[in-house]
Amino acid sequence: MESKALLRYARVSPRKVRRVTNLIKGKSAGDALISLKFLPHSPARIVSKVLRSAVANAEQKKVADPEAMVIKKVFIDQGPVMKRMMPRAMGRADVIRKRTSHITLILEE
């Protein structure tokens, strides 16, 4: 049985989130939560919230022990990019891209 959690439009770049999620793929939910707690990267906090949501979904569905479930798949997709302008010298402008990401986490027994 699977349990799934989805976070859309997270205000963090997909590249930064992938750096964190590659460390927890294949681990049990309990071990992944512990390792995310001590990671210095800022997306670790966001990913741990998604993981806790997937565990809560598993408890709600009455699946086997949610803490012992294993992270089967983690998808990090790029969301829409907010474009902002920054004025530069001589009347020019630079584009600042504020990237967003969609995080999908799937647990299985």
Protein backbone atom coordinates (compact mmCIF):
# COMPACT_ATOMS: atom_id res chain seq x y z
CA MET A 1 0.00 0.00 0.00
CA GLU A 2 1.24 3.47 -0.84
CA SER A 3 0.93 6.83 0.81
CA LYS A 4 1.51 10.07 -1.04
CA ALA A 5 2.04 13.75 -0.18
CA LEU A 6 2.26 16.65 -2.61
CA LEU A 7 3.48 20.22 -2.12
CA ARG A 8 2.99 22.61 -4.98
CA TYR A 9 4.49 26.07 -5.57
CA ALA A 10 7.22 25.78 -2.92
CA ARG A 11 9.30 28.93 -3.10
CA VAL A 12 12.63 27.18 -3.50
CA SER A 13 14.57 26.21 -6.59
CA PRO A 14 14.12 22.59 -7.76
CA ARG A 15 17.88 22.16 -8.01
CA LYS A 16 18.30 22.92 -4.30
CA VAL A 17 15.49 20.55 -3.31
CA ARG A 18 16.93 17.70 -5.40
CA ARG A 19 20.22 18.04 -3.50
CA VAL A 20 18.33 17.24 -0.29
CA THR A 21 15.96 14.56 -1.62
CA ASN A 22 18.77 12.53 -3.19
CA LEU A 23 20.10 11.94 0.34
CA ILE A 24 16.87 10.38 1.65
CA LYS A 25 15.71 8.22 -1.27
CA GLY A 26 15.27 4.59 -0.23
CA LYS A 27 15.48 5.29 3.52
CA SER A 28 12.75 4.51 6.01
CA ALA A 29 10.53 7.42 7.01
CA GLY A 30 11.91 7.57 10.56
CA ASP A 31 15.55 7.58 9.43
CA ALA A 32 14.82 10.18 6.76
CA LEU A 33 13.17 12.52 9.28
CA ILE A 34 16.19 12.26 11.57
CA SER A 35 18.67 12.93 8.78
CA LEU A 36 16.59 15.87 7.48
CA LYS A 37 16.54 17.40 10.93
CA PHE A 38 20.32 17.74 11.01
CA LEU A 39 20.91 18.85 7.40
CA PRO A 40 22.10 22.46 7.10
CA HIS A 41 20.27 23.10 3.81
CA SER A 42 17.12 25.24 3.90
CA PRO A 43 14.96 22.93 1.71
CA ALA A 44 15.43 20.15 4.30
CA ARG A 45 12.79 21.82 6.45
CA ILE A 46 10.30 21.91 3.57
CA VAL A 47 10.97 18.28 2.59
CA SER A 48 10.58 17.13 6.21
CA LYS A 49 7.13 18.75 6.33
CA VAL A 50 6.13 16.90 3.15
CA LEU A 51 7.48 13.64 4.61
CA ARG A 52 5.54 14.16 7.84
CA SER A 53 2.42 14.79 5.76
CA ALA A 54 2.94 11.51 3.88
CA VAL A 55 3.35 9.67 7.20
CA ALA A 56 0.14 11.28 8.50
CA ASN A 57 -1.65 10.24 5.30
CA ALA A 58 -0.46 6.66 5.89
CA GLU A 59 -1.82 6.75 9.45
CA GLN A 60 -5.13 8.07 8.15
CA LYS A 61 -5.39 5.25 5.59
CA LYS A 62 -4.61 2.67 8.31
CA VAL A 63 -1.57 1.36 6.44
CA ALA A 64 1.12 -0.70 8.22
CA ASP A 65 3.45 1.09 10.69
CA PRO A 66 3.97 4.51 9.07
CA GLU A 67 7.38 5.09 10.66
CA ALA A 68 8.70 1.87 9.12
CA MET A 69 7.54 2.78 5.61
CA VAL A 70 10.20 3.36 2.96
CA ILE A 71 10.51 6.33 0.62
CA LYS A 72 9.75 4.79 -2.76
CA LYS A 73 9.90 7.84 -5.05
CA VAL A 74 10.47 11.57 -4.77
CA PHE A 75 9.62 13.80 -7.72
CA ILE A 76 10.85 17.38 -7.87
CA ASP A 77 9.26 19.23 -10.77
CA GLN A 78 9.76 22.84 -11.73
CA GLY A 79 6.84 25.15 -11.07
CA PRO A 80 6.14 28.55 -12.57
CA VAL A 81 8.93 31.12 -12.47
CA MET A 82 8.20 34.60 -11.14
CA LYS A 83 10.15 37.16 -13.13
CA ARG A 84 11.27 40.40 -11.51
CA MET A 85 13.34 43.24 -12.95
CA MET A 86 16.40 44.76 -11.34
CA PRO A 87 17.62 48.12 -12.62
CA ARG A 88 21.21 48.26 -13.79
CA ALA A 89 23.56 50.94 -15.07
CA MET A 90 22.88 53.01 -18.19
CA GLY A 91 19.13 52.31 -18.26
CA ARG A 92 19.44 48.56 -18.60
CA ALA A 93 17.67 45.91 -16.54
CA ASP A 94 18.41 42.37 -15.41
CA VAL A 95 15.80 39.65 -14.97
CA ILE A 96 15.65 37.98 -11.57
CA ARG A 97 14.03 34.54 -11.75
CA LYS A 98 12.32 33.43 -8.55
CA ARG A 99 11.86 29.72 -9.13
CA THR A 100 9.25 27.47 -7.58
CA SER A 101 9.02 23.70 -7.35
CA HIS A 102 6.43 20.95 -6.95
CA ILE A 103 7.44 18.21 -4.50
CA THR A 104 5.80 14.77 -4.64
CA LEU A 105 6.80 12.12 -2.09
CA ILE A 106 5.56 8.51 -2.20
CA LEU A 107 5.97 6.04 0.69
CA GLU A 108 5.44 2.28 0.50
CA GLU A 109 5.47 -0.65 2.93
